Amino acid sequence: MYCIAVLIDKGQKGQDYAEYILNYCADRKIFPLVQIYQDQEKFFGEIQKTIPSIVLLALQGVAGLNAAEHLRSLHPKCKMIWCSDLDFSLHAFKLRVEYFFMEPVEEQKLWEGLTACFGRR
């Protein structure tokens, strides 16, 4: 079973992102567990126990970069979709992020990221 984690800033639309993910997966007959986190400490504590298949990382600024680096150091094989308000595309490339895009989070961009992740199973 796939587990997909969504790590977002407070105030973002995590339920919308989860719905985009579930729509994509249902279209492909995949039924993952999607968990939304707004607290980085809780997120990193939880992934010590259960490693997600894919992480959607949607944090502002340097917080996103730090979270991406930390996630990659903990779980190098975890697939990552990273959305940022700043252009960290070079960092994303160095971290081997499956898909990087700049805000806003839109369903089409997220679907492209999920295709990149599921296409590289």
PDB file of N, CA and C in Angstrom:
ATOM      1  N   MET A   1       0.851  -1.182   0.000  1.00  0.00           N
ATOM      2  CA  MET A   1       0.000   0.000   0.000  1.00  0.00           C
ATOM      3  C   MET A   1       0.891   1.237   0.000  1.00  0.00           C
ATOM      4  N   TYR A   2       0.500   2.184  -0.809  1.00  0.00           N
ATOM      5  CA  TYR A   2       1.227   3.441  -0.876  1.00  0.00           C
ATOM      6  C   TYR A   2       0.805   4.358   0.266  1.00  0.00           C
ATOM      7  N   CYS A   3       1.774   5.054   0.805  1.00  0.00           N
ATOM      8  CA  CYS A   3       1.522   6.088   1.804  1.00  0.00           C
ATOM      9  C   CYS A   3       2.111   7.383   1.232  1.00  0.00           C
ATOM     10  N   ILE A   4       1.275   8.391   1.110  1.00  0.00           N
ATOM     11  CA  ILE A   4       1.712   9.670   0.571  1.00  0.00           C
ATOM     12  C   ILE A   4       1.541  10.722   1.654  1.00  0.00           C
ATOM     13  N   ALA A   5       2.625  11.408   1.986  1.00  0.00           N
ATOM     14  CA  ALA A   5       2.607  12.445   3.012  1.00  0.00           C
ATOM     15  C   ALA A   5       2.620  13.817   2.344  1.00  0.00           C
ATOM     16  N   VAL A   6       1.848  14.724   2.910  1.00  0.00           N
ATOM     17  CA  VAL A   6       1.782  16.100   2.429  1.00  0.00           C
ATOM     18  C   VAL A   6       2.259  16.984   3.577  1.00  0.00           C
ATOM     19  N   LEU A   7       3.393  17.654   3.395  1.00  0.00           N
ATOM     20  CA  LEU A   7       3.937  18.550   4.411  1.00  0.00           C
ATOM     21  C   LEU A   7       3.757  19.972   3.920  1.00  0.00           C
ATOM     22  N   ILE A   8       2.948  20.733   4.655  1.00  0.00           N
ATOM     23  CA  ILE A   8       2.588  22.084   4.225  1.00  0.00           C
ATOM     24  C   ILE A   8       2.762  23.085   5.350  1.00  0.00           C
ATOM     25  N   ASP A   9       2.750  24.372   4.966  1.00  0.00           N
ATOM     26  CA  ASP A   9       2.723  25.455   5.940  1.00  0.00           C
ATOM     27  C   ASP A   9       1.322  25.560   6.509  1.00  0.00           C
ATOM     28  N   LYS A  10       1.215  26.102   7.692  1.00  0.00           N
ATOM     29  CA  LYS A  10      -0.100  26.365   8.260  1.00  0.00           C
ATOM     30  C   LYS A  10      -0.848  27.336   7.349  1.00  0.00           C
ATOM     31  N   GLY A  11      -2.115  27.115   7.192  1.00  0.00           N
ATOM     32  CA  GLY A  11      -2.927  27.992   6.362  1.00  0.00           C
ATOM     33  C   GLY A  11      -3.027  27.570   4.913  1.00  0.00           C
ATOM     34  N   GLN A  12      -2.188  26.637   4.475  1.00  0.00           N
ATOM     35  CA  GLN A  12      -2.300  26.165   3.098  1.00  0.00           C
ATOM     36  C   GLN A  12      -3.463  25.194   2.985  1.00  0.00           C
ATOM     37  N   LYS A  13      -3.807  24.863   1.794  1.00  0.00           N
ATOM     38  CA  LYS A  13      -4.979  24.049   1.519  1.00  0.00           C
ATOM     39  C   LYS A  13      -4.611  22.578   1.385  1.00  0.00           C
ATOM     40  N   GLY A  14      -4.207  21.983   2.474  1.00  0.00           N
ATOM     41  CA  GLY A  14      -3.784  20.587   2.464  1.00  0.00           C
ATOM     42  C   GLY A  14      -4.870  19.636   2.006  1.00  0.00           C
ATOM     43  N   GLN A  15      -6.129  19.925   2.361  1.00  0.00           N
ATOM     44  CA  GLN A  15      -7.231  19.061   1.930  1.00  0.00           C
ATOM     45  C   GLN A  15      -7.388  19.087   0.416  1.00  0.00           C
ATOM     46  N   ASP A  16      -7.184  20.265  -0.198  1.00  0.00           N
ATOM     47  CA  ASP A  16      -7.250  20.363  -1.658  1.00  0.00           C
ATOM     48  C   ASP A  16      -6.137  19.539  -2.296  1.00  0.00           C
ATOM     49  N   TYR A  17      -4.932  19.635  -1.747  1.00  0.00           N
ATOM     50  CA  TYR A  17      -3.802  18.881  -2.283  1.00  0.00           C
ATOM     51  C   TYR A  17      -4.066  17.378  -2.171  1.00  0.00           C
ATOM     52  N   ALA A  18      -4.595  16.973  -1.014  1.00  0.00           N
ATOM     53  CA  ALA A  18      -4.916  15.553  -0.819  1.00  0.00           C
ATOM     54  C   ALA A  18      -5.967  15.101  -1.826  1.00  0.00           C
ATOM     55  N   GLU A  19      -6.942  15.950  -2.102  1.00  0.00           N
ATOM     56  CA  GLU A  19      -7.978  15.614  -3.079  1.00  0.00           C
ATOM     57  C   GLU A  19      -7.377  15.463  -4.477  1.00  0.00           C
ATOM     58  N   TYR A  20      -6.452  16.355  -4.849  1.00  0.00           N
ATOM     59  CA  TYR A  20      -5.772  16.230  -6.146  1.00  0.00           C
ATOM     60  C   TYR A  20      -5.054  14.885  -6.246  1.00  0.00           C
ATOM     61  N   ILE A  21      -4.369  14.521  -5.173  1.00  0.00           N
ATOM     62  CA  ILE A  21      -3.626  13.257  -5.144  1.00  0.00           C
ATOM     63  C   ILE A  21      -4.579  12.069  -5.267  1.00  0.00           C
ATOM     64  N   LEU A  22      -5.652  12.102  -4.495  1.00  0.00           N
ATOM     65  CA  LEU A  22      -6.611  10.997  -4.527  1.00  0.00           C
ATOM     66  C   LEU A  22      -7.301  10.887  -5.879  1.00  0.00           C
ATOM     67  N   ASN A  23      -7.598  12.012  -6.524  1.00  0.00           N
ATOM     68  CA  ASN A  23      -8.195  11.984  -7.867  1.00  0.00           C
ATOM     69  C   ASN A  23      -7.250  11.323  -8.864  1.00  0.00           C
ATOM     70  N   TYR A  24      -5.973  11.716  -8.799  1.00  0.00           N
ATOM     71  CA  TYR A  24      -4.965  11.127  -9.688  1.00  0.00           C
ATOM     72  C   TYR A  24      -4.886   9.623  -9.468  1.00  0.00           C
ATOM     73  N   CYS A  25      -4.788   9.232  -8.212  1.00  0.00           N
ATOM     74  CA  CYS A  25      -4.618   7.814  -7.887  1.00  0.00           C
ATOM     75  C   CYS A  25      -5.858   6.997  -8.241  1.00  0.00           C
ATOM     76  N   ALA A  26      -7.035   7.527  -7.958  1.00  0.00           N
ATOM     77  CA  ALA A  26      -8.269   6.807  -8.279  1.00  0.00           C
ATOM     78  C   ALA A  26      -8.377   6.580  -9.780  1.00  0.00           C
ATOM     79  N   ASP A  27      -7.930   7.561 -10.549  1.00  0.00           N
ATOM     80  CA  ASP A  27      -7.940   7.452 -12.007  1.00  0.00           C
ATOM     81  C   ASP A  27      -7.057   6.297 -12.475  1.00  0.00           C
ATOM     82  N   ARG A  28      -6.073   5.926 -11.680  1.00  0.00           N
ATOM     83  CA  ARG A  28      -5.142   4.860 -12.020  1.00  0.00           C
ATOM     84  C   ARG A  28      -5.340   3.604 -11.172  1.00  0.00           C
ATOM     85  N   LYS A  29      -6.452   3.562 -10.471  1.00  0.00           N
ATOM     86  CA  LYS A  29      -6.810   2.400  -9.624  1.00  0.00           C
ATOM     87  C   LYS A  29      -5.762   2.139  -8.533  1.00  0.00           C
ATOM     88  N   ILE A  30      -5.258   3.241  -7.963  1.00  0.00           N
ATOM     89  CA  ILE A  30      -4.324   3.173  -6.841  1.00  0.00           C
ATOM     90  C   ILE A  30      -5.035   3.826  -5.658  1.00  0.00           C
ATOM     91  N   PHE A  31      -4.978   3.219  -4.499  1.00  0.00           N
ATOM     92  CA  PHE A  31      -5.707   3.750  -3.349  1.00  0.00           C
ATOM     93  C   PHE A  31      -4.754   3.921  -2.162  1.00  0.00           C
ATOM     94  N   PRO A  32      -4.035   5.046  -2.141  1.00  0.00           N
ATOM     95  CA  PRO A  32      -3.036   5.268  -1.093  1.00  0.00           C
ATOM     96  C   PRO A  32      -3.645   5.851   0.184  1.00  0.00           C
ATOM     97  N   LEU A  33      -2.869   5.765   1.216  1.00  0.00           N
ATOM     98  CA  LEU A  33      -3.161   6.486   2.450  1.00  0.00           C
ATOM     99  C   LEU A  33      -2.490   7.850   2.304  1.00  0.00           C
ATOM    100  N   VAL A  34      -3.263   8.925   2.428  1.00  0.00           N
ATOM    101  CA  VAL A  34      -2.710  10.276   2.310  1.00  0.00           C
ATOM    102  C   VAL A  34      -2.802  10.938   3.677  1.00  0.00           C
ATOM    103  N   GLN A  35      -1.657  11.397   4.174  1.00  0.00           N
ATOM    104  CA  GLN A  35      -1.605  12.052   5.478  1.00  0.00           C
ATOM    105  C   GLN A  35      -1.077  13.471   5.303  1.00  0.00           C
ATOM    106  N   ILE A  36      -1.732  14.412   5.981  1.00  0.00           N
ATOM    107  CA  ILE A  36      -1.360  15.827   5.889  1.00  0.00           C
ATOM    108  C   ILE A  36      -0.694  16.239   7.194  1.00  0.00           C
ATOM    109  N   TYR A  37       0.448  16.918   7.070  1.00  0.00           N
ATOM    110  CA  TYR A  37       1.191  17.410   8.229  1.00  0.00           C
ATOM    111  C   TYR A  37       1.423  18.911   8.076  1.00  0.00           C
ATOM    112  N   GLN A  38       1.208  19.657   9.170  1.00  0.00           N
ATOM    113  CA  GLN A  38       1.521  21.083   9.185  1.00  0.00           C
ATOM    114  C   GLN A  38       2.630  21.380  10.184  1.00  0.00           C
ATOM    115  N   ASP A  39       3.136  20.361  10.816  1.00  0.00           N
ATOM    116  CA  ASP A  39       4.181  20.500  11.826  1.00  0.00           C
ATOM    117  C   ASP A  39       5.369  19.625  11.401  1.00  0.00           C
ATOM    118  N   GLN A  40       6.499  20.268  11.108  1.00  0.00           N
ATOM    119  CA  GLN A  40       7.666  19.521  10.631  1.00  0.00           C
ATOM    120  C   GLN A  40       8.178  18.524  11.660  1.00  0.00           C
ATOM    121  N   GLU A  41       8.191  18.911  12.926  1.00  0.00           N
ATOM    122  CA  GLU A  41       8.690  18.000  13.957  1.00  0.00           C
ATOM    123  C   GLU A  41       7.855  16.726  14.011  1.00  0.00           C
ATOM    124  N   LYS A  42       6.551  16.884  13.964  1.00  0.00           N
ATOM    125  CA  LYS A  42       5.663  15.716  13.985  1.00  0.00           C
ATOM    126  C   LYS A  42       5.879  14.874  12.727  1.00  0.00           C
ATOM    127  N   PHE A  43       5.995  15.530  11.581  1.00  0.00           N
ATOM    128  CA  PHE A  43       6.223  14.826  10.319  1.00  0.00           C
ATOM    129  C   PHE A  43       7.497  13.993  10.384  1.00  0.00           C
ATOM    130  N   PHE A  44       8.609  14.620  10.775  1.00  0.00           N
ATOM    131  CA  PHE A  44       9.875  13.885  10.803  1.00  0.00           C
ATOM    132  C   PHE A  44       9.881  12.801  11.872  1.00  0.00           C
ATOM    133  N   GLY A  45       9.128  12.996  12.942  1.00  0.00           N
ATOM    134  CA  GLY A  45       8.980  11.940  13.943  1.00  0.00           C
ATOM    135  C   GLY A  45       8.204  10.751  13.398  1.00  0.00           C
ATOM    136  N   GLU A  46       7.135  11.032  12.666  1.00  0.00           N
ATOM    137  CA  GLU A  46       6.301   9.970  12.101  1.00  0.00           C
ATOM    138  C   GLU A  46       7.028   9.167  11.026  1.00  0.00           C
ATOM    139  N   ILE A  47       7.830   9.839  10.199  1.00  0.00           N
ATOM    140  CA  ILE A  47       8.491   9.096   9.119  1.00  0.00           C
ATOM    141  C   ILE A  47       9.672   8.273   9.622  1.00  0.00           C
ATOM    142  N   GLN A  48      10.011   8.409  10.883  1.00  0.00           N
ATOM    143  CA  GLN A  48      10.994   7.494  11.472  1.00  0.00           C
ATOM    144  C   GLN A  48      10.364   6.113  11.641  1.00  0.00           C
ATOM    145  N   LYS A  49       9.027   6.099  11.874  1.00  0.00           N
ATOM    146  CA  LYS A  49       8.307   4.840  12.077  1.00  0.00           C
ATOM    147  C   LYS A  49       7.799   4.257  10.763  1.00  0.00           C
ATOM    148  N   THR A  50       7.189   5.109   9.948  1.00  0.00           N
ATOM    149  CA  THR A  50       6.596   4.682   8.685  1.00  0.00           C
ATOM    150  C   THR A  50       7.126   5.570   7.569  1.00  0.00           C
ATOM    151  N   ILE A  51       7.868   4.994   6.660  1.00  0.00           N
ATOM    152  CA  ILE A  51       8.450   5.765   5.558  1.00  0.00           C
ATOM    153  C   ILE A  51       7.398   5.910   4.461  1.00  0.00           C
ATOM    154  N   PRO A  52       7.059   7.150   4.093  1.00  0.00           N
ATOM    155  CA  PRO A  52       6.085   7.323   3.014  1.00  0.00           C
ATOM    156  C   PRO A  52       6.687   6.950   1.661  1.00  0.00           C
ATOM    157  N   SER A  53       5.823   6.562   0.737  1.00  0.00           N
ATOM    158  CA  SER A  53       6.263   6.258  -0.626  1.00  0.00           C
ATOM    159  C   SER A  53       6.630   7.538  -1.355  1.00  0.00           C
ATOM    160  N   ILE A  54       5.794   8.569  -1.139  1.00  0.00           N
ATOM    161  CA  ILE A  54       5.967   9.858  -1.795  1.00  0.00           C
ATOM    162  C   ILE A  54       5.679  10.952  -0.782  1.00  0.00           C
ATOM    163  N   VAL A  55       6.436  12.044  -0.864  1.00  0.00           N
ATOM    164  CA  VAL A  55       6.182  13.219  -0.023  1.00  0.00           C
ATOM    165  C   VAL A  55       5.942  14.411  -0.938  1.00  0.00           C
ATOM    166  N   LEU A  56       4.821  15.101  -0.703  1.00  0.00           N
ATOM    167  CA  LEU A  56       4.585  16.393  -1.330  1.00  0.00           C
ATOM    168  C   LEU A  56       5.034  17.430  -0.316  1.00  0.00           C
ATOM    169  N   LEU A  57       6.068  18.150  -0.653  1.00  0.00           N
ATOM    170  CA  LEU A  57       6.656  19.144   0.232  1.00  0.00           C
ATOM    171  C   LEU A  57       6.276  20.525  -0.292  1.00  0.00           C
ATOM    172  N   ALA A  58       5.438  21.243   0.446  1.00  0.00           N
ATOM    173  CA  ALA A  58       4.979  22.568   0.015  1.00  0.00           C
ATOM    174  C   ALA A  58       5.186  23.560   1.156  1.00  0.00           C
ATOM    175  N   LEU A  59       6.442  23.906   1.383  1.00  0.00           N
ATOM    176  CA  LEU A  59       6.802  24.851   2.438  1.00  0.00           C
ATOM    177  C   LEU A  59       7.426  26.092   1.817  1.00  0.00           C
ATOM    178  N   GLN A  60       7.229  27.223   2.440  1.00  0.00           N
ATOM    179  CA  GLN A  60       7.739  28.494   1.952  1.00  0.00           C
ATOM    180  C   GLN A  60       9.235  28.636   2.217  1.00  0.00           C
ATOM    181  N   GLY A  61       9.916  29.245   1.269  1.00  0.00           N
ATOM    182  CA  GLY A  61      11.293  29.685   1.445  1.00  0.00           C
ATOM    183  C   GLY A  61      12.273  28.619   1.867  1.00  0.00           C
ATOM    184  N   VAL A  62      13.197  29.036   2.735  1.00  0.00           N
ATOM    185  CA  VAL A  62      14.285  28.177   3.184  1.00  0.00           C
ATOM    186  C   VAL A  62      13.771  27.002   4.016  1.00  0.00           C
ATOM    187  N   ALA A  63      12.594  27.141   4.613  1.00  0.00           N
ATOM    188  CA  ALA A  63      12.023  26.015   5.365  1.00  0.00           C
ATOM    189  C   ALA A  63      11.826  24.815   4.449  1.00  0.00           C
ATOM    190  N   GLY A  64      11.418  25.054   3.209  1.00  0.00           N
ATOM    191  CA  GLY A  64      11.255  23.973   2.244  1.00  0.00           C
ATOM    192  C   GLY A  64      12.578  23.333   1.877  1.00  0.00           C
ATOM    193  N   LEU A  65      13.595  24.167   1.667  1.00  0.00           N
ATOM    194  CA  LEU A  65      14.930  23.651   1.347  1.00  0.00           C
ATOM    195  C   LEU A  65      15.457  22.801   2.495  1.00  0.00           C
ATOM    196  N   ASN A  66      15.341  23.296   3.712  1.00  0.00           N
ATOM    197  CA  ASN A  66      15.822  22.543   4.872  1.00  0.00           C
ATOM    198  C   ASN A  66      15.080  21.213   5.023  1.00  0.00           C
ATOM    199  N   ALA A  67      13.763  21.241   4.816  1.00  0.00           N
ATOM    200  CA  ALA A  67      12.971  20.011   4.934  1.00  0.00           C
ATOM    201  C   ALA A  67      13.349  19.013   3.841  1.00  0.00           C
ATOM    202  N   ALA A  68      13.571  19.500   2.621  1.00  0.00           N
ATOM    203  CA  ALA A  68      13.958  18.616   1.515  1.00  0.00           C
ATOM    204  C   ALA A  68      15.306  17.962   1.806  1.00  0.00           C
ATOM    205  N   GLU A  69      16.253  18.748   2.285  1.00  0.00           N
ATOM    206  CA  GLU A  69      17.576  18.198   2.610  1.00  0.00           C
ATOM    207  C   GLU A  69      17.486  17.181   3.737  1.00  0.00           C
ATOM    208  N   HIS A  70      16.700  17.508   4.759  1.00  0.00           N
ATOM    209  CA  HIS A  70      16.556  16.608   5.908  1.00  0.00           C
ATOM    210  C   HIS A  70      15.868  15.304   5.493  1.00  0.00           C
ATOM    211  N   LEU A  71      14.808  15.415   4.704  1.00  0.00           N
ATOM    212  CA  LEU A  71      14.103  14.229   4.230  1.00  0.00           C
ATOM    213  C   LEU A  71      15.031  13.340   3.408  1.00  0.00           C
ATOM    214  N   ARG A  72      15.804  13.943   2.518  1.00  0.00           N
ATOM    215  CA  ARG A  72      16.714  13.176   1.668  1.00  0.00           C
ATOM    216  C   ARG A  72      17.792  12.496   2.511  1.00  0.00           C
ATOM    217  N   SER A  73      18.269  13.171   3.567  1.00  0.00           N
ATOM    218  CA  SER A  73      19.305  12.553   4.407  1.00  0.00           C
ATOM    219  C   SER A  73      18.738  11.381   5.219  1.00  0.00           C
ATOM    220  N   LEU A  74      17.479  11.477   5.643  1.00  0.00           N
ATOM    221  CA  LEU A  74      16.864  10.394   6.412  1.00  0.00           C
ATOM    222  C   LEU A  74      16.477   9.212   5.531  1.00  0.00           C
ATOM    223  N   HIS A  75      15.867   9.518   4.395  1.00  0.00           N
ATOM    224  CA  HIS A  75      15.345   8.472   3.510  1.00  0.00           C
ATOM    225  C   HIS A  75      15.714   8.791   2.059  1.00  0.00           C
ATOM    226  N   PRO A  76      16.903   8.423   1.643  1.00  0.00           N
ATOM    227  CA  PRO A  76      17.379   8.774   0.307  1.00  0.00           C
ATOM    228  C   PRO A  76      16.524   8.237  -0.846  1.00  0.00           C
ATOM    229  N   LYS A  77      15.787   7.169  -0.617  1.00  0.00           N
ATOM    230  CA  LYS A  77      14.995   6.582  -1.702  1.00  0.00           C
ATOM    231  C   LYS A  77      13.536   7.041  -1.713  1.00  0.00           C
ATOM    232  N   CYS A  78      13.148   7.841  -0.759  1.00  0.00           N
ATOM    233  CA  CYS A  78      11.776   8.359  -0.709  1.00  0.00           C
ATOM    234  C   CYS A  78      11.567   9.333  -1.873  1.00  0.00           C
ATOM    235  N   LYS A  79      10.498   9.144  -2.604  1.00  0.00           N
ATOM    236  CA  LYS A  79      10.213  10.024  -3.745  1.00  0.00           C
ATOM    237  C   LYS A  79       9.637  11.340  -3.238  1.00  0.00           C
ATOM    238  N   MET A  80      10.040  12.438  -3.897  1.00  0.00           N
ATOM    239  CA  MET A  80       9.674  13.760  -3.404  1.00  0.00           C
ATOM    240  C   MET A  80       9.165  14.648  -4.533  1.00  0.00           C
ATOM    241  N   ILE A  81       8.036  15.309  -4.247  1.00  0.00           N
ATOM    242  CA  ILE A  81       7.509  16.372  -5.090  1.00  0.00           C
ATOM    243  C   ILE A  81       7.638  17.635  -4.244  1.00  0.00           C
ATOM    244  N   TRP A  82       8.343  18.626  -4.760  1.00  0.00           N
ATOM    245  CA  TRP A  82       8.654  19.817  -3.971  1.00  0.00           C
ATOM    246  C   TRP A  82       8.104  21.047  -4.674  1.00  0.00           C
ATOM    247  N   CYS A  83       7.299  21.800  -3.944  1.00  0.00           N
ATOM    248  CA  CYS A  83       6.745  23.054  -4.441  1.00  0.00           C
ATOM    249  C   CYS A  83       7.252  24.171  -3.539  1.00  0.00           C
ATOM    250  N   SER A  84       7.728  25.247  -4.139  1.00  0.00           N
ATOM    251  CA  SER A  84       8.275  26.351  -3.359  1.00  0.00           C
ATOM    252  C   SER A  84       7.884  27.694  -3.966  1.00  0.00           C
ATOM    253  N   ASP A  85       7.948  28.719  -3.132  1.00  0.00           N
ATOM    254  CA  ASP A  85       7.742  30.082  -3.616  1.00  0.00           C
ATOM    255  C   ASP A  85       9.042  30.664  -4.166  1.00  0.00           C
ATOM    256  N   LEU A  86      10.156  30.000  -3.897  1.00  0.00           N
ATOM    257  CA  LEU A  86      11.463  30.425  -4.393  1.00  0.00           C
ATOM    258  C   LEU A  86      12.000  29.382  -5.377  1.00  0.00           C
ATOM    259  N   ASP A  87      12.852  29.821  -6.285  1.00  0.00           N
ATOM    260  CA  ASP A  87      13.376  28.908  -7.299  1.00  0.00           C
ATOM    261  C   ASP A  87      14.566  28.117  -6.753  1.00  0.00           C
ATOM    262  N   PHE A  88      14.260  26.954  -6.220  1.00  0.00           N
ATOM    263  CA  PHE A  88      15.281  26.040  -5.721  1.00  0.00           C
ATOM    264  C   PHE A  88      15.496  24.892  -6.694  1.00  0.00           C
ATOM    265  N   SER A  89      15.284  25.138  -7.970  1.00  0.00           N
ATOM    266  CA  SER A  89      15.371  24.054  -8.952  1.00  0.00           C
ATOM    267  C   SER A  89      16.757  23.412  -8.986  1.00  0.00           C
ATOM    268  N   LEU A  90      17.815  24.199  -8.842  1.00  0.00           N
ATOM    269  CA  LEU A  90      19.162  23.628  -8.826  1.00  0.00           C
ATOM    270  C   LEU A  90      19.351  22.737  -7.599  1.00  0.00           C
ATOM    271  N   HIS A  91      18.860  23.192  -6.455  1.00  0.00           N
ATOM    272  CA  HIS A  91      18.939  22.368  -5.240  1.00  0.00           C
ATOM    273  C   HIS A  91      18.114  21.089  -5.408  1.00  0.00           C
ATOM    274  N   ALA A  92      16.946  21.225  -6.015  1.00  0.00           N
ATOM    275  CA  ALA A  92      16.098  20.056  -6.239  1.00  0.00           C
ATOM    276  C   ALA A  92      16.818  19.038  -7.115  1.00  0.00           C
ATOM    277  N   PHE A  93      17.508  19.522  -8.134  1.00  0.00           N
ATOM    278  CA  PHE A  93      18.271  18.633  -9.008  1.00  0.00           C
ATOM    279  C   PHE A  93      19.371  17.921  -8.227  1.00  0.00           C
ATOM    280  N   LYS A  94      20.094  18.680  -7.409  1.00  0.00           N
ATOM    281  CA  LYS A  94      21.182  18.090  -6.617  1.00  0.00           C
ATOM    282  C   LYS A  94      20.668  17.064  -5.615  1.00  0.00           C
ATOM    283  N   LEU A  95      19.451  17.295  -5.091  1.00  0.00           N
ATOM    284  CA  LEU A  95      18.857  16.383  -4.120  1.00  0.00           C
ATOM    285  C   LEU A  95      18.119  15.212  -4.786  1.00  0.00           C
ATOM    286  N   ARG A  96      18.131  15.178  -6.120  1.00  0.00           N
ATOM    287  CA  ARG A  96      17.446  14.134  -6.889  1.00  0.00           C
ATOM    288  C   ARG A  96      15.949  14.091  -6.586  1.00  0.00           C
ATOM    289  N   VAL A  97      15.348  15.273  -6.503  1.00  0.00           N
ATOM    290  CA  VAL A  97      13.905  15.381  -6.302  1.00  0.00           C
ATOM    291  C   VAL A  97      13.221  14.955  -7.603  1.00  0.00           C
ATOM    292  N   GLU A  98      12.189  14.142  -7.482  1.00  0.00           N
ATOM    293  CA  GLU A  98      11.519  13.632  -8.680  1.00  0.00           C
ATOM    294  C   GLU A  98      10.838  14.749  -9.471  1.00  0.00           C
ATOM    295  N   TYR A  99      10.272  15.741  -8.767  1.00  0.00           N
ATOM    296  CA  TYR A  99       9.570  16.819  -9.473  1.00  0.00           C
ATOM    297  C   TYR A  99       9.578  18.075  -8.608  1.00  0.00           C
ATOM    298  N   PHE A 100      10.027  19.168  -9.202  1.00  0.00           N
ATOM    299  CA  PHE A 100      10.046  20.468  -8.527  1.00  0.00           C
ATOM    300  C   PHE A 100       9.233  21.449  -9.359  1.00  0.00           C
ATOM    301  N   PHE A 101       8.425  22.256  -8.681  1.00  0.00           N
ATOM    302  CA  PHE A 101       7.722  23.335  -9.368  1.00  0.00           C
ATOM    303  C   PHE A 101       7.515  24.505  -8.413  1.00  0.00           C
ATOM    304  N   MET A 102       7.263  25.654  -9.016  1.00  0.00           N
ATOM    305  CA  MET A 102       7.051  26.873  -8.234  1.00  0.00           C
ATOM    306  C   MET A 102       5.547  27.052  -7.997  1.00  0.00           C
ATOM    307  N   GLU A 103       5.240  27.722  -6.878  1.00  0.00           N
ATOM    308  CA  GLU A 103       3.850  28.004  -6.556  1.00  0.00           C
ATOM    309  C   GLU A 103       3.171  28.722  -7.712  1.00  0.00           C
ATOM    310  N   PRO A 104       1.895  28.622  -7.811  1.00  0.00           N
ATOM    311  CA  PRO A 104       0.938  27.974  -6.912  1.00  0.00           C
ATOM    312  C   PRO A 104       0.833  26.467  -7.180  1.00  0.00           C
ATOM    313  N   VAL A 105       0.327  25.754  -6.179  1.00  0.00           N
ATOM    314  CA  VAL A 105       0.072  24.326  -6.338  1.00  0.00           C
ATOM    315  C   VAL A 105      -1.214  24.201  -7.154  1.00  0.00           C
ATOM    316  N   GLU A 106      -1.085  23.609  -8.304  1.00  0.00           N
ATOM    317  CA  GLU A 106      -2.237  23.382  -9.175  1.00  0.00           C
ATOM    318  C   GLU A 106      -2.344  21.894  -9.454  1.00  0.00           C
ATOM    319  N   GLU A 107      -3.547  21.456  -9.733  1.00  0.00           N
ATOM    320  CA  GLU A 107      -3.778  20.030  -9.943  1.00  0.00           C
ATOM    321  C   GLU A 107      -2.906  19.473 -11.069  1.00  0.00           C
ATOM    322  N   GLN A 108      -2.781  20.192 -12.175  1.00  0.00           N
ATOM    323  CA  GLN A 108      -1.997  19.710 -13.314  1.00  0.00           C
ATOM    324  C   GLN A 108      -0.527  19.521 -12.942  1.00  0.00           C
ATOM    325  N   LYS A 109       0.038  20.475 -12.214  1.00  0.00           N
ATOM    326  CA  LYS A 109       1.451  20.359 -11.804  1.00  0.00           C
ATOM    327  C   LYS A 109       1.638  19.169 -10.868  1.00  0.00           C
ATOM    328  N   LEU A 110       0.694  19.014  -9.954  1.00  0.00           N
ATOM    329  CA  LEU A 110       0.786  17.901  -9.012  1.00  0.00           C
ATOM    330  C   LEU A 110       0.647  16.562  -9.738  1.00  0.00           C
ATOM    331  N   TRP A 111      -0.216  16.489 -10.722  1.00  0.00           N
ATOM    332  CA  TRP A 111      -0.377  15.262 -11.496  1.00  0.00           C
ATOM    333  C   TRP A 111       0.905  14.938 -12.248  1.00  0.00           C
ATOM    334  N   GLU A 112       1.586  15.958 -12.792  1.00  0.00           N
ATOM    335  CA  GLU A 112       2.860  15.735 -13.476  1.00  0.00           C
ATOM    336  C   GLU A 112       3.890  15.172 -12.498  1.00  0.00           C
ATOM    337  N   GLY A 113       3.908  15.716 -11.280  1.00  0.00           N
ATOM    338  CA  GLY A 113       4.820  15.215 -10.261  1.00  0.00           C
ATOM    339  C   GLY A 113       4.520  13.775  -9.875  1.00  0.00           C
ATOM    340  N   LEU A 114       3.245  13.462  -9.723  1.00  0.00           N
ATOM    341  CA  LEU A 114       2.868  12.093  -9.384  1.00  0.00           C
ATOM    342  C   LEU A 114       3.206  11.121 -10.512  1.00  0.00           C
ATOM    343  N   THR A 115       3.045  11.570 -11.742  1.00  0.00           N
ATOM    344  CA  THR A 115       3.418  10.731 -12.893  1.00  0.00           C
ATOM    345  C   THR A 115       4.918  10.455 -12.859  1.00  0.00           C
ATOM    346  N   ALA A 116       5.710  11.468 -12.533  1.00  0.00           N
ATOM    347  CA  ALA A 116       7.164  11.275 -12.426  1.00  0.00           C
ATOM    348  C   ALA A 116       7.487  10.264 -11.321  1.00  0.00           C
ATOM    349  N   CYS A 117       6.783  10.332 -10.215  1.00  0.00           N
ATOM    350  CA  CYS A 117       7.055   9.418  -9.100  1.00  0.00           C
ATOM    351  C   CYS A 117       6.597   7.992  -9.405  1.00  0.00           C
ATOM    352  N   PHE A 118       5.388   7.841  -9.891  1.00  0.00           N
ATOM    353  CA  PHE A 118       4.879   6.500 -10.158  1.00  0.00           C
ATOM    354  C   PHE A 118       5.532   5.884 -11.386  1.00  0.00           C
ATOM    355  N   GLY A 119       6.015   6.717 -12.289  1.00  0.00           N
ATOM    356  CA  GLY A 119       6.677   6.209 -13.484  1.00  0.00           C
ATOM    357  C   GLY A 119       8.042   5.630 -13.189  1.00  0.00           C
ATOM    358  N   ARG A 120       8.604   5.968 -12.031  1.00  0.00           N
ATOM    359  CA  ARG A 120       9.954   5.507 -11.650  1.00  0.00           C
ATOM    360  C   ARG A 120       9.902   4.533 -10.493  1.00  0.00           C
ATOM    361  N   ARG A 121       8.952   3.648 -10.504  1.00  0.00           N
ATOM    362  CA  ARG A 121       8.821   2.684  -9.408  1.00  0.00           C
ATOM    363  C   ARG A 121      10.000   1.771  -9.320  1.00  0.00           C
TER     364      ARG A 121
END
